[in-house]
mmCIF file of all heavy atoms, coordinates in Angstrom:
data_MODEL
# 
_entry.id   MODEL 
# 
loop_
_atom_site.group_PDB 
_atom_site.id 
_atom_site.type_symbol 
_atom_site.label_atom_id 
_atom_site.label_alt_id 
_atom_site.label_comp_id 
_atom_site.label_asym_id 
_atom_site.label_entity_id 
_atom_site.label_seq_id 
_atom_site.pdbx_PDB_ins_code 
_atom_site.Cartn_x 
_atom_site.Cartn_y 
_atom_site.Cartn_z 
_atom_site.occupancy 
_atom_site.B_iso_or_equiv 
_atom_site.pdbx_formal_charge 
_atom_site.auth_seq_id 
_atom_site.auth_comp_id 
_atom_site.auth_asym_id 
_atom_site.auth_atom_id 
_atom_site.pdbx_PDB_model_num 
ATOM 1   N N   . PHE A 1 1  ? -37.565 -56.887 0.051   1.00 0.00 ? 1  PHE A N   1 
ATOM 2   C CA  . PHE A 1 1  ? -36.194 -56.380 -0.100  1.00 0.00 ? 1  PHE A CA  1 
ATOM 3   C C   . PHE A 1 1  ? -35.318 -57.380 -0.816  1.00 0.00 ? 1  PHE A C   1 
ATOM 4   O O   . PHE A 1 1  ? -34.624 -57.010 -1.774  1.00 0.00 ? 1  PHE A O   1 
ATOM 5   C CB  . PHE A 1 1  ? -35.658 -56.096 1.316   1.00 0.00 ? 1  PHE A CB  1 
ATOM 6   C CG  . PHE A 1 1  ? -34.173 -55.779 1.322   1.00 0.00 ? 1  PHE A CG  1 
ATOM 7   C CD1 . PHE A 1 1  ? -33.725 -54.555 0.831   1.00 0.00 ? 1  PHE A CD1 1 
ATOM 8   C CD2 . PHE A 1 1  ? -33.214 -56.718 1.717   1.00 0.00 ? 1  PHE A CD2 1 
ATOM 9   C CE1 . PHE A 1 1  ? -32.322 -54.254 0.841   1.00 0.00 ? 1  PHE A CE1 1 
ATOM 10  C CE2 . PHE A 1 1  ? -31.878 -56.462 1.689   1.00 0.00 ? 1  PHE A CE2 1 
ATOM 11  C CZ  . PHE A 1 1  ? -31.430 -55.228 1.272   1.00 0.00 ? 1  PHE A CZ  1 
ATOM 12  N N   . PHE A 1 2  ? -35.342 -58.628 -0.442  1.00 0.00 ? 2  PHE A N   1 
ATOM 13  C CA  . PHE A 1 2  ? -34.520 -59.599 -1.138  1.00 0.00 ? 2  PHE A CA  1 
ATOM 14  C C   . PHE A 1 2  ? -35.004 -59.897 -2.509  1.00 0.00 ? 2  PHE A C   1 
ATOM 15  O O   . PHE A 1 2  ? -34.201 -60.287 -3.383  1.00 0.00 ? 2  PHE A O   1 
ATOM 16  C CB  . PHE A 1 2  ? -34.465 -60.909 -0.262  1.00 0.00 ? 2  PHE A CB  1 
ATOM 17  C CG  . PHE A 1 2  ? -33.459 -60.822 0.847   1.00 0.00 ? 2  PHE A CG  1 
ATOM 18  C CD1 . PHE A 1 2  ? -33.867 -60.670 2.127   1.00 0.00 ? 2  PHE A CD1 1 
ATOM 19  C CD2 . PHE A 1 2  ? -32.103 -60.913 0.593   1.00 0.00 ? 2  PHE A CD2 1 
ATOM 20  C CE1 . PHE A 1 2  ? -32.928 -60.560 3.166   1.00 0.00 ? 2  PHE A CE1 1 
ATOM 21  C CE2 . PHE A 1 2  ? -31.168 -60.838 1.611   1.00 0.00 ? 2  PHE A CE2 1 
ATOM 22  C CZ  . PHE A 1 2  ? -31.565 -60.669 2.909   1.00 0.00 ? 2  PHE A CZ  1 
ATOM 23  N N   . ALA A 1 3  ? -36.273 -59.766 -2.776  1.00 0.00 ? 3  ALA A N   1 
ATOM 24  C CA  . ALA A 1 3  ? -36.747 -59.902 -4.138  1.00 0.00 ? 3  ALA A CA  1 
ATOM 25  C C   . ALA A 1 3  ? -36.135 -58.848 -5.018  1.00 0.00 ? 3  ALA A C   1 
ATOM 26  O O   . ALA A 1 3  ? -35.731 -59.093 -6.146  1.00 0.00 ? 3  ALA A O   1 
ATOM 27  C CB  . ALA A 1 3  ? -38.290 -59.834 -4.165  1.00 0.00 ? 3  ALA A CB  1 
ATOM 28  N N   . ALA A 1 4  ? -36.118 -57.594 -4.531  1.00 0.00 ? 4  ALA A N   1 
ATOM 29  C CA  . ALA A 1 4  ? -35.520 -56.504 -5.267  1.00 0.00 ? 4  ALA A CA  1 
ATOM 30  C C   . ALA A 1 4  ? -34.046 -56.770 -5.455  1.00 0.00 ? 4  ALA A C   1 
ATOM 31  O O   . ALA A 1 4  ? -33.479 -56.451 -6.503  1.00 0.00 ? 4  ALA A O   1 
ATOM 32  C CB  . ALA A 1 4  ? -35.757 -55.183 -4.514  1.00 0.00 ? 4  ALA A CB  1 
ATOM 33  N N   . MET A 1 5  ? -33.402 -57.290 -4.450  1.00 0.00 ? 5  MET A N   1 
ATOM 34  C CA  . MET A 1 5  ? -31.977 -57.627 -4.573  1.00 0.00 ? 5  MET A CA  1 
ATOM 35  C C   . MET A 1 5  ? -31.724 -58.644 -5.651  1.00 0.00 ? 5  MET A C   1 
ATOM 36  O O   . MET A 1 5  ? -30.761 -58.572 -6.413  1.00 0.00 ? 5  MET A O   1 
ATOM 37  C CB  . MET A 1 5  ? -31.441 -58.138 -3.217  1.00 0.00 ? 5  MET A CB  1 
ATOM 38  C CG  . MET A 1 5  ? -31.318 -57.081 -2.142  1.00 0.00 ? 5  MET A CG  1 
ATOM 39  S SD  . MET A 1 5  ? -30.063 -55.831 -2.519  1.00 0.00 ? 5  MET A SD  1 
ATOM 40  C CE  . MET A 1 5  ? -28.614 -56.779 -2.270  1.00 0.00 ? 5  MET A CE  1 
ATOM 41  N N   . ALA A 1 6  ? -32.578 -59.661 -5.739  1.00 0.00 ? 6  ALA A N   1 
ATOM 42  C CA  . ALA A 1 6  ? -32.456 -60.715 -6.765  1.00 0.00 ? 6  ALA A CA  1 
ATOM 43  C C   . ALA A 1 6  ? -32.583 -60.075 -8.169  1.00 0.00 ? 6  ALA A C   1 
ATOM 44  O O   . ALA A 1 6  ? -31.873 -60.413 -9.056  1.00 0.00 ? 6  ALA A O   1 
ATOM 45  C CB  . ALA A 1 6  ? -33.549 -61.766 -6.548  1.00 0.00 ? 6  ALA A CB  1 
ATOM 46  N N   . GLU A 1 7  ? -33.548 -59.174 -8.312  1.00 0.00 ? 7  GLU A N   1 
ATOM 47  C CA  . GLU A 1 7  ? -33.742 -58.498 -9.593  1.00 0.00 ? 7  GLU A CA  1 
ATOM 48  C C   . GLU A 1 7  ? -32.524 -57.621 -9.969  1.00 0.00 ? 7  GLU A C   1 
ATOM 49  O O   . GLU A 1 7  ? -32.062 -57.621 -11.094 1.00 0.00 ? 7  GLU A O   1 
ATOM 50  C CB  . GLU A 1 7  ? -35.005 -57.599 -9.529  1.00 0.00 ? 7  GLU A CB  1 
ATOM 51  C CG  . GLU A 1 7  ? -35.357 -56.964 -10.839 1.00 0.00 ? 7  GLU A CG  1 
ATOM 52  C CD  . GLU A 1 7  ? -35.996 -57.919 -11.824 1.00 0.00 ? 7  GLU A CD  1 
ATOM 53  O OE1 . GLU A 1 7  ? -36.238 -59.079 -11.458 1.00 0.00 ? 7  GLU A OE1 1 
ATOM 54  O OE2 . GLU A 1 7  ? -36.189 -57.483 -12.958 1.00 0.00 ? 7  GLU A OE2 1 
ATOM 55  N N   . SER A 1 8  ? -31.944 -56.978 -8.949  1.00 0.00 ? 8  SER A N   1 
ATOM 56  C CA  . SER A 1 8  ? -30.782 -56.136 -9.170  1.00 0.00 ? 8  SER A CA  1 
ATOM 57  C C   . SER A 1 8  ? -29.579 -56.982 -9.588  1.00 0.00 ? 8  SER A C   1 
ATOM 58  O O   . SER A 1 8  ? -28.818 -56.602 -10.453 1.00 0.00 ? 8  SER A O   1 
ATOM 59  C CB  . SER A 1 8  ? -30.461 -55.367 -7.881  1.00 0.00 ? 8  SER A CB  1 
ATOM 60  O OG  . SER A 1 8  ? -29.247 -54.623 -8.059  1.00 0.00 ? 8  SER A OG  1 
ATOM 61  N N   . GLU A 1 9  ? -29.481 -58.161 -8.988  1.00 0.00 ? 9  GLU A N   1 
ATOM 62  C CA  . GLU A 1 9  ? -28.374 -59.072 -9.329  1.00 0.00 ? 9  GLU A CA  1 
ATOM 63  C C   . GLU A 1 9  ? -28.470 -59.555 -10.774 1.00 0.00 ? 9  GLU A C   1 
ATOM 64  O O   . GLU A 1 9  ? -27.449 -59.571 -11.505 1.00 0.00 ? 9  GLU A O   1 
ATOM 65  C CB  . GLU A 1 9  ? -28.365 -60.291 -8.413  1.00 0.00 ? 9  GLU A CB  1 
ATOM 66  C CG  . GLU A 1 9  ? -27.182 -61.230 -8.665  1.00 0.00 ? 9  GLU A CG  1 
ATOM 67  C CD  . GLU A 1 9  ? -27.212 -62.405 -7.713  1.00 0.00 ? 9  GLU A CD  1 
ATOM 68  O OE1 . GLU A 1 9  ? -28.161 -62.531 -6.914  1.00 0.00 ? 9  GLU A OE1 1 
ATOM 69  O OE2 . GLU A 1 9  ? -26.304 -63.273 -7.843  1.00 0.00 ? 9  GLU A OE2 1 
ATOM 70  N N   . ARG A 1 10 ? -29.661 -59.817 -11.216 1.00 0.00 ? 10 ARG A N   1 
ATOM 71  C CA  . ARG A 1 10 ? -29.828 -60.243 -12.601 1.00 0.00 ? 10 ARG A CA  1 
ATOM 72  C C   . ARG A 1 10 ? -29.485 -59.106 -13.574 1.00 0.00 ? 10 ARG A C   1 
ATOM 73  O O   . ARG A 1 10 ? -28.873 -59.323 -14.588 1.00 0.00 ? 10 ARG A O   1 
ATOM 74  C CB  . ARG A 1 10 ? -31.312 -60.697 -12.845 1.00 0.00 ? 10 ARG A CB  1 
ATOM 75  C CG  . ARG A 1 10 ? -31.700 -61.949 -12.071 1.00 0.00 ? 10 ARG A CG  1 
ATOM 76  C CD  . ARG A 1 10 ? -33.044 -62.435 -12.529 1.00 0.00 ? 10 ARG A CD  1 
ATOM 77  N NE  . ARG A 1 10 ? -32.966 -63.028 -13.873 1.00 0.00 ? 10 ARG A NE  1 
ATOM 78  C CZ  . ARG A 1 10 ? -34.017 -63.303 -14.588 1.00 0.00 ? 10 ARG A CZ  1 
ATOM 79  N NH1 . ARG A 1 10 ? -35.228 -63.072 -14.114 1.00 0.00 ? 10 ARG A NH1 1 
ATOM 80  N NH2 . ARG A 1 10 ? -33.904 -63.846 -15.799 1.00 0.00 ? 10 ARG A NH2 1 
ATOM 81  N N   . ASP A 1 11 ? -29.893 -57.876 -13.220 1.00 0.00 ? 11 ASP A N   1 
ATOM 82  C CA  . ASP A 1 11 ? -29.558 -56.747 -14.062 1.00 0.00 ? 11 ASP A CA  1 
ATOM 83  C C   . ASP A 1 11 ? -28.058 -56.564 -14.125 1.00 0.00 ? 11 ASP A C   1 
ATOM 84  O O   . ASP A 1 11 ? -27.479 -56.216 -15.186 1.00 0.00 ? 11 ASP A O   1 
ATOM 85  C CB  . ASP A 1 11 ? -30.237 -55.461 -13.497 1.00 0.00 ? 11 ASP A CB  1 
ATOM 86  C CG  . ASP A 1 11 ? -31.723 -55.487 -13.681 1.00 0.00 ? 11 ASP A CG  1 
ATOM 87  O OD1 . ASP A 1 11 ? -32.223 -56.267 -14.508 1.00 0.00 ? 11 ASP A OD1 1 
ATOM 88  O OD2 . ASP A 1 11 ? -32.410 -54.708 -12.963 1.00 0.00 ? 11 ASP A OD2 1 
ATOM 89  N N   . HIS A 1 12 ? -27.364 -56.758 -12.984 1.00 0.00 ? 12 HIS A N   1 
ATOM 90  C CA  . HIS A 1 12 ? -25.903 -56.597 -12.940 1.00 0.00 ? 12 HIS A CA  1 
ATOM 91  C C   . HIS A 1 12 ? -25.239 -57.574 -13.850 1.00 0.00 ? 12 HIS A C   1 
ATOM 92  O O   . HIS A 1 12 ? -24.312 -57.260 -14.634 1.00 0.00 ? 12 HIS A O   1 
ATOM 93  C CB  . HIS A 1 12 ? -25.438 -56.778 -11.501 1.00 0.00 ? 12 HIS A CB  1 
ATOM 94  C CG  . HIS A 1 12 ? -23.938 -56.737 -11.364 1.00 0.00 ? 12 HIS A CG  1 
ATOM 95  N ND1 . HIS A 1 12 ? -23.199 -55.599 -11.546 1.00 0.00 ? 12 HIS A ND1 1 
ATOM 96  C CD2 . HIS A 1 12 ? -23.047 -57.763 -11.081 1.00 0.00 ? 12 HIS A CD2 1 
ATOM 97  C CE1 . HIS A 1 12 ? -21.922 -55.858 -11.374 1.00 0.00 ? 12 HIS A CE1 1 
ATOM 98  N NE2 . HIS A 1 12 ? -21.802 -57.153 -11.092 1.00 0.00 ? 12 HIS A NE2 1 
ATOM 99  N N   . ILE A 1 13 ? -25.693 -58.856 -13.818 1.00 0.00 ? 13 ILE A N   1 
ATOM 100 C CA  . ILE A 1 13 ? -25.123 -59.927 -14.655 1.00 0.00 ? 13 ILE A CA  1 
ATOM 101 C C   . ILE A 1 13 ? -25.346 -59.607 -16.097 1.00 0.00 ? 13 ILE A C   1 
ATOM 102 O O   . ILE A 1 13 ? -24.448 -59.735 -16.924 1.00 0.00 ? 13 ILE A O   1 
ATOM 103 C CB  . ILE A 1 13 ? -25.743 -61.301 -14.273 1.00 0.00 ? 13 ILE A CB  1 
ATOM 104 C CG1 . ILE A 1 13 ? -25.296 -61.697 -12.865 1.00 0.00 ? 13 ILE A CG1 1 
ATOM 105 C CG2 . ILE A 1 13 ? -25.348 -62.351 -15.314 1.00 0.00 ? 13 ILE A CG2 1 
ATOM 106 C CD1 . ILE A 1 13 ? -25.984 -62.938 -12.368 1.00 0.00 ? 13 ILE A CD1 1 
ATOM 107 N N   . ARG A 1 14 ? -26.519 -59.130 -16.446 1.00 0.00 ? 14 ARG A N   1 
ATOM 108 C CA  . ARG A 1 14 ? -26.847 -58.801 -17.837 1.00 0.00 ? 14 ARG A CA  1 
ATOM 109 C C   . ARG A 1 14 ? -25.983 -57.617 -18.315 1.00 0.00 ? 14 ARG A C   1 
ATOM 110 O O   . ARG A 1 14 ? -25.415 -57.665 -19.432 1.00 0.00 ? 14 ARG A O   1 
ATOM 111 C CB  . ARG A 1 14 ? -28.317 -58.411 -17.961 1.00 0.00 ? 14 ARG A CB  1 
ATOM 112 C CG  . ARG A 1 14 ? -28.766 -58.114 -19.426 1.00 0.00 ? 14 ARG A CG  1 
ATOM 113 C CD  . ARG A 1 14 ? -30.284 -58.066 -19.542 1.00 0.00 ? 14 ARG A CD  1 
ATOM 114 N NE  . ARG A 1 14 ? -30.859 -57.114 -18.618 1.00 0.00 ? 14 ARG A NE  1 
ATOM 115 C CZ  . ARG A 1 14 ? -31.600 -57.420 -17.612 1.00 0.00 ? 14 ARG A CZ  1 
ATOM 116 N NH1 . ARG A 1 14 ? -31.871 -58.718 -17.327 1.00 0.00 ? 14 ARG A NH1 1 
ATOM 117 N NH2 . ARG A 1 14 ? -32.121 -56.518 -16.820 1.00 0.00 ? 14 ARG A NH2 1 
ATOM 118 N N   . ASP A 1 15 ? -25.773 -56.609 -17.482 1.00 0.00 ? 15 ASP A N   1 
ATOM 119 C CA  . ASP A 1 15 ? -24.940 -55.460 -17.849 1.00 0.00 ? 15 ASP A CA  1 
ATOM 120 C C   . ASP A 1 15 ? -23.524 -55.895 -18.068 1.00 0.00 ? 15 ASP A C   1 
ATOM 121 O O   . ASP A 1 15 ? -22.837 -55.412 -19.025 1.00 0.00 ? 15 ASP A O   1 
ATOM 122 C CB  . ASP A 1 15 ? -25.014 -54.404 -16.735 1.00 0.00 ? 15 ASP A CB  1 
ATOM 123 C CG  . ASP A 1 15 ? -26.349 -53.718 -16.719 1.00 0.00 ? 15 ASP A CG  1 
ATOM 124 O OD1 . ASP A 1 15 ? -27.133 -53.838 -17.696 1.00 0.00 ? 15 ASP A OD1 1 
ATOM 125 O OD2 . ASP A 1 15 ? -26.677 -53.046 -15.699 1.00 0.00 ? 15 ASP A OD2 1 
ATOM 126 N N   . LYS A 1 16 ? -22.990 -56.744 -17.192 1.00 0.00 ? 16 LYS A N   1 
ATOM 127 C CA  . LYS A 1 16 ? -21.596 -57.230 -17.325 1.00 0.00 ? 16 LYS A CA  1 
ATOM 128 C C   . LYS A 1 16 ? -21.423 -58.034 -18.615 1.00 0.00 ? 16 LYS A C   1 
ATOM 129 O O   . LYS A 1 16 ? -20.385 -57.946 -19.307 1.00 0.00 ? 16 LYS A O   1 
ATOM 130 C CB  . LYS A 1 16 ? -21.200 -58.050 -16.117 1.00 0.00 ? 16 LYS A CB  1 
ATOM 131 C CG  . LYS A 1 16 ? -21.152 -57.311 -14.812 1.00 0.00 ? 16 LYS A CG  1 
ATOM 132 C CD  . LYS A 1 16 ? -20.093 -56.225 -14.804 1.00 0.00 ? 16 LYS A CD  1 
ATOM 133 C CE  . LYS A 1 16 ? -18.735 -56.747 -14.815 1.00 0.00 ? 16 LYS A CE  1 
ATOM 134 N NZ  . LYS A 1 16 ? -17.689 -55.691 -14.724 1.00 0.00 ? 16 LYS A NZ  1 
ATOM 135 N N   . THR A 1 17 ? -22.464 -58.763 -18.950 1.00 0.00 ? 17 THR A N   1 
ATOM 136 C CA  . THR A 1 17 ? -22.420 -59.577 -20.213 1.00 0.00 ? 17 THR A CA  1 
ATOM 137 C C   . THR A 1 17 ? -22.350 -58.669 -21.441 1.00 0.00 ? 17 THR A C   1 
ATOM 138 O O   . THR A 1 17 ? -21.551 -58.869 -22.353 1.00 0.00 ? 17 THR A O   1 
ATOM 139 C CB  . THR A 1 17 ? -23.641 -60.526 -20.301 1.00 0.00 ? 17 THR A CB  1 
ATOM 140 O OG1 . THR A 1 17 ? -23.631 -61.396 -19.177 1.00 0.00 ? 17 THR A OG1 1 
ATOM 141 C CG2 . THR A 1 17 ? -23.554 -61.355 -21.600 1.00 0.00 ? 17 THR A CG2 1 
ATOM 142 N N   . LEU A 1 18 ? -23.201 -57.629 -21.434 1.00 0.00 ? 18 LEU A N   1 
ATOM 143 C CA  . LEU A 1 18 ? -23.212 -56.712 -22.531 1.00 0.00 ? 18 LEU A CA  1 
ATOM 144 C C   . LEU A 1 18 ? -21.905 -55.937 -22.645 1.00 0.00 ? 18 LEU A C   1 
ATOM 145 O O   . LEU A 1 18 ? -21.396 -55.646 -23.753 1.00 0.00 ? 18 LEU A O   1 
ATOM 146 C CB  . LEU A 1 18 ? -24.389 -55.724 -22.395 1.00 0.00 ? 18 LEU A CB  1 
ATOM 147 C CG  . LEU A 1 18 ? -25.768 -56.318 -22.524 1.00 0.00 ? 18 LEU A CG  1 
ATOM 148 C CD1 . LEU A 1 18 ? -26.824 -55.287 -22.233 1.00 0.00 ? 18 LEU A CD1 1 
ATOM 149 C CD2 . LEU A 1 18 ? -25.974 -56.907 -23.906 1.00 0.00 ? 18 LEU A CD2 1 
ATOM 150 N N   . GLU A 1 19 ? -21.311 -55.554 -21.461 1.00 0.00 ? 19 GLU A N   1 
ATOM 151 C CA  . GLU A 1 19 ? -20.047 -54.854 -21.502 1.00 0.00 ? 19 GLU A CA  1 
ATOM 152 C C   . GLU A 1 19 ? -18.928 -55.741 -22.065 1.00 0.00 ? 19 GLU A C   1 
ATOM 153 O O   . GLU A 1 19 ? -18.123 -55.289 -22.845 1.00 0.00 ? 19 GLU A O   1 
ATOM 154 C CB  . GLU A 1 19 ? -19.641 -54.454 -20.044 1.00 0.00 ? 19 GLU A CB  1 
ATOM 155 C CG  . GLU A 1 19 ? -20.512 -53.315 -19.469 1.00 0.00 ? 19 GLU A CG  1 
ATOM 156 C CD  . GLU A 1 19 ? -20.164 -53.006 -18.037 1.00 0.00 ? 19 GLU A CD  1 
ATOM 157 O OE1 . GLU A 1 19 ? -19.127 -53.587 -17.555 1.00 0.00 ? 19 GLU A OE1 1 
ATOM 158 O OE2 . GLU A 1 19 ? -20.862 -52.223 -17.421 1.00 0.00 ? 19 GLU A OE2 1 
ATOM 159 N N   . GLY A 1 20 ? -18.961 -57.023 -21.710 1.00 0.00 ? 20 GLY A N   1 
ATOM 160 C CA  . GLY A 1 20 ? -17.980 -57.957 -22.247 1.00 0.00 ? 20 GLY A CA  1 
ATOM 161 C C   . GLY A 1 20 ? -18.101 -58.128 -23.743 1.00 0.00 ? 20 GLY A C   1 
ATOM 162 O O   . GLY A 1 20 ? -17.084 -58.217 -24.467 1.00 0.00 ? 20 GLY A O   1 
ATOM 163 N N   . GLN A 1 21 ? -19.338 -58.171 -24.224 1.00 0.00 ? 21 GLN A N   1 
ATOM 164 C CA  . GLN A 1 21 ? -19.548 -58.313 -25.702 1.00 0.00 ? 21 GLN A CA  1 
ATOM 165 C C   . GLN A 1 21 ? -19.036 -57.056 -26.416 1.00 0.00 ? 21 GLN A C   1 
ATOM 166 O O   . GLN A 1 21 ? -18.430 -57.184 -27.442 1.00 0.00 ? 21 GLN A O   1 
ATOM 167 C CB  . GLN A 1 21 ? -21.050 -58.547 -25.965 1.00 0.00 ? 21 GLN A CB  1 
ATOM 168 C CG  . GLN A 1 21 ? -21.525 -59.880 -25.537 1.00 0.00 ? 21 GLN A CG  1 
ATOM 169 C CD  . GLN A 1 21 ? -23.010 -60.103 -25.737 1.00 0.00 ? 21 GLN A CD  1 
ATOM 170 O OE1 . GLN A 1 21 ? -23.725 -59.147 -26.036 1.00 0.00 ? 21 GLN A OE1 1 
ATOM 171 N NE2 . GLN A 1 21 ? -23.478 -61.343 -25.615 1.00 0.00 ? 21 GLN A NE2 1 
ATOM 172 N N   . GLU A 1 22 ? -19.324 -55.906 -25.818 1.00 0.00 ? 22 GLU A N   1 
ATOM 173 C CA  . GLU A 1 22 ? -18.875 -54.662 -26.437 1.00 0.00 ? 22 GLU A CA  1 
ATOM 174 C C   . GLU A 1 22 ? -17.354 -54.568 -26.487 1.00 0.00 ? 22 GLU A C   1 
ATOM 175 O O   . GLU A 1 22 ? -16.788 -54.136 -27.500 1.00 0.00 ? 22 GLU A O   1 
ATOM 176 C CB  . GLU A 1 22 ? -19.482 -53.468 -25.708 1.00 0.00 ? 22 GLU A CB  1 
ATOM 177 C CG  . GLU A 1 22 ? -19.255 -52.130 -26.377 1.00 0.00 ? 22 GLU A CG  1 
ATOM 178 C CD  . GLU A 1 22 ? -19.835 -52.068 -27.797 1.00 0.00 ? 22 GLU A CD  1 
ATOM 179 O OE1 . GLU A 1 22 ? -20.902 -52.706 -27.978 1.00 0.00 ? 22 GLU A OE1 1 
ATOM 180 O OE2 . GLU A 1 22 ? -19.308 -51.383 -28.645 1.00 0.00 ? 22 GLU A OE2 1 
ATOM 181 N N   . THR A 1 23 ? -16.718 -54.997 -25.428 1.00 0.00 ? 23 THR A N   1 
ATOM 182 C CA  . THR A 1 23 ? -15.253 -55.020 -25.400 1.00 0.00 ? 23 THR A CA  1 
ATOM 183 C C   . THR A 1 23 ? -14.686 -55.910 -26.443 1.00 0.00 ? 23 THR A C   1 
ATOM 184 O O   . THR A 1 23 ? -13.711 -55.594 -27.126 1.00 0.00 ? 23 THR A O   1 
ATOM 185 C CB  . THR A 1 23 ? -14.764 -55.451 -24.021 1.00 0.00 ? 23 THR A CB  1 
ATOM 186 O OG1 . THR A 1 23 ? -15.257 -54.532 -23.031 1.00 0.00 ? 23 THR A OG1 1 
ATOM 187 C CG2 . THR A 1 23 ? -13.244 -55.438 -23.915 1.00 0.00 ? 23 THR A CG2 1 
ATOM 188 N N   . ALA A 1 24 ? -15.327 -57.099 -26.626 1.00 0.00 ? 24 ALA A N   1 
ATOM 189 C CA  . ALA A 1 24 ? -14.898 -58.038 -27.630 1.00 0.00 ? 24 ALA A CA  1 
ATOM 190 C C   . ALA A 1 24 ? -15.029 -57.434 -29.016 1.00 0.00 ? 24 ALA A C   1 
ATOM 191 O O   . ALA A 1 24 ? -14.162 -57.656 -29.892 1.00 0.00 ? 24 ALA A O   1 
ATOM 192 C CB  . ALA A 1 24 ? -15.656 -59.324 -27.504 1.00 0.00 ? 24 ALA A CB  1 
# 
């Protein structure tokens, strides 16, 4: 469960980074 949570957190950080780049 926590392994999946760790993977989900990485995906979330990556998505937020891409959103920030697109906004820029």
